[in-house]
Amino acid sequence: MNYQDELQRLGGVTRATADAFAPLDPFAIRQLERRIGFELPEDYRDFLARLGGGLNFKEEVASEPLRDRPE
């Protein structure tokens, strides 16, 4: 399953912020990779290029913690 299928399964997303988190162009993604010192996974590069950041789920999404306490 890819991230697009998973977002659809969870009800989709909407933009929650202004343009600061707009989708990134390939140049900006390469700059980010240089800054952090490694290449991002292809699906995350695609996510950034299509959606950017600052997103909210359209529907309520609940999750359970993996552990009761931090290690």
C-alpha atoms as a PDB file:
ATOM      1  CA  MET A   1       0.000   0.000   0.000  1.00  0.00           C
ATOM      2  CA  ASN A   2       1.333   3.443  -0.851  1.00  0.00           C
ATOM      3  CA  TYR A   3       0.765   6.626   1.142  1.00  0.00           C
ATOM      4  CA  GLN A   4      -1.911   7.888  -1.266  1.00  0.00           C
ATOM      5  CA  ASP A   5      -4.029   4.775  -0.705  1.00  0.00           C
ATOM      6  CA  GLU A   6      -3.551   5.084   3.048  1.00  0.00           C
ATOM      7  CA  LEU A   7      -4.555   8.764   3.097  1.00  0.00           C
ATOM      8  CA  GLN A   8      -7.647   7.882   1.086  1.00  0.00           C
ATOM      9  CA  ARG A   9      -8.466   5.032   3.478  1.00  0.00           C
ATOM     10  CA  LEU A  10      -8.212   7.470   6.397  1.00  0.00           C
ATOM     11  CA  GLY A  11     -10.651   9.897   4.757  1.00  0.00           C
ATOM     12  CA  GLY A  12      -8.276  12.273   2.970  1.00  0.00           C
ATOM     13  CA  VAL A  13      -6.509  15.419   4.125  1.00  0.00           C
ATOM     14  CA  THR A  14      -7.046  19.163   3.954  1.00  0.00           C
ATOM     15  CA  ARG A  15      -4.524  22.015   4.083  1.00  0.00           C
ATOM     16  CA  ALA A  16      -4.300  23.358   7.632  1.00  0.00           C
ATOM     17  CA  THR A  17      -1.731  26.105   7.166  1.00  0.00           C
ATOM     18  CA  ALA A  18      -0.730  28.912   4.837  1.00  0.00           C
ATOM     19  CA  ASP A  19       1.679  28.636   1.905  1.00  0.00           C
ATOM     20  CA  ALA A  20       4.702  28.055   4.153  1.00  0.00           C
ATOM     21  CA  PHE A  21       4.018  24.325   3.904  1.00  0.00           C
ATOM     22  CA  ALA A  22       2.976  24.249   0.246  1.00  0.00           C
ATOM     23  CA  PRO A  23       4.185  21.407  -1.989  1.00  0.00           C
ATOM     24  CA  LEU A  24       7.937  21.473  -2.643  1.00  0.00           C
ATOM     25  CA  ASP A  25       9.519  21.594  -6.075  1.00  0.00           C
ATOM     26  CA  PRO A  26      12.315  19.102  -6.923  1.00  0.00           C
ATOM     27  CA  PHE A  27      15.013  21.740  -6.339  1.00  0.00           C
ATOM     28  CA  ALA A  28      13.757  22.424  -2.792  1.00  0.00           C
ATOM     29  CA  ILE A  29      13.652  18.680  -2.050  1.00  0.00           C
ATOM     30  CA  ARG A  30      17.272  18.274  -3.246  1.00  0.00           C
ATOM     31  CA  GLN A  31      18.312  21.225  -1.066  1.00  0.00           C
ATOM     32  CA  LEU A  32      16.618  19.608   1.918  1.00  0.00           C
ATOM     33  CA  GLU A  33      18.412  16.321   1.242  1.00  0.00           C
ATOM     34  CA  ARG A  34      21.774  18.100   1.032  1.00  0.00           C
ATOM     35  CA  ARG A  35      21.036  19.907   4.282  1.00  0.00           C
ATOM     36  CA  ILE A  36      20.157  16.714   6.189  1.00  0.00           C
ATOM     37  CA  GLY A  37      22.919  14.687   4.541  1.00  0.00           C
ATOM     38  CA  PHE A  38      20.959  11.843   2.953  1.00  0.00           C
ATOM     39  CA  GLU A  39      18.409  11.105   0.248  1.00  0.00           C
ATOM     40  CA  LEU A  40      14.779  10.793   1.299  1.00  0.00           C
ATOM     41  CA  PRO A  41      12.751   7.688   0.395  1.00  0.00           C
ATOM     42  CA  GLU A  42      11.024   8.042  -2.976  1.00  0.00           C
ATOM     43  CA  ASP A  43       7.500   7.861  -1.528  1.00  0.00           C
ATOM     44  CA  TYR A  44       8.288  10.675   0.926  1.00  0.00           C
ATOM     45  CA  ARG A  45       9.800  12.772  -1.886  1.00  0.00           C
ATOM     46  CA  ASP A  46       6.544  12.264  -3.799  1.00  0.00           C
ATOM     47  CA  PHE A  47       4.506  13.179  -0.695  1.00  0.00           C
ATOM     48  CA  LEU A  48       6.445  16.450  -0.294  1.00  0.00           C
ATOM     49  CA  ALA A  49       6.114  17.242  -4.012  1.00  0.00           C
ATOM     50  CA  ARG A  50       2.360  16.619  -4.032  1.00  0.00           C
ATOM     51  CA  LEU A  51       1.224  17.742  -0.591  1.00  0.00           C
ATOM     52  CA  GLY A  52       4.005  19.507   1.296  1.00  0.00           C
ATOM     53  CA  GLY A  53       3.101  19.805   4.960  1.00  0.00           C
ATOM     54  CA  GLY A  54       0.640  21.445   7.303  1.00  0.00           C
ATOM     55  CA  LEU A  55      -2.153  18.949   6.684  1.00  0.00           C
ATOM     56  CA  ASN A  56      -5.105  17.803   8.757  1.00  0.00           C
ATOM     57  CA  PHE A  57      -7.137  14.659   8.285  1.00  0.00           C
ATOM     58  CA  LYS A  58     -10.658  15.376   7.019  1.00  0.00           C
ATOM     59  CA  GLU A  59     -12.046  12.830   9.467  1.00  0.00           C
ATOM     60  CA  GLU A  60     -11.013  12.033  13.029  1.00  0.00           C
ATOM     61  CA  VAL A  61      -8.104   9.598  13.126  1.00  0.00           C
ATOM     62  CA  ALA A  62      -7.272   7.889  16.425  1.00  0.00           C
ATOM     63  CA  SER A  63      -4.142   5.962  17.263  1.00  0.00           C
ATOM     64  CA  GLU A  64      -2.991   3.943  20.237  1.00  0.00           C
ATOM     65  CA  PRO A  65       0.476   4.341  21.798  1.00  0.00           C
ATOM     66  CA  LEU A  66       2.856   1.451  21.256  1.00  0.00           C
ATOM     67  CA  ARG A  67       3.901   1.460  24.921  1.00  0.00           C
ATOM     68  CA  ASP A  68       2.340   2.719  28.136  1.00  0.00           C
ATOM     69  CA  ARG A  69       5.532   4.545  29.123  1.00  0.00           C
ATOM     70  CA  PRO A  70       8.563   5.837  27.278  1.00  0.00           C
ATOM     71  CA  GLU A  71      11.700   3.744  27.604  1.00  0.00           C
END
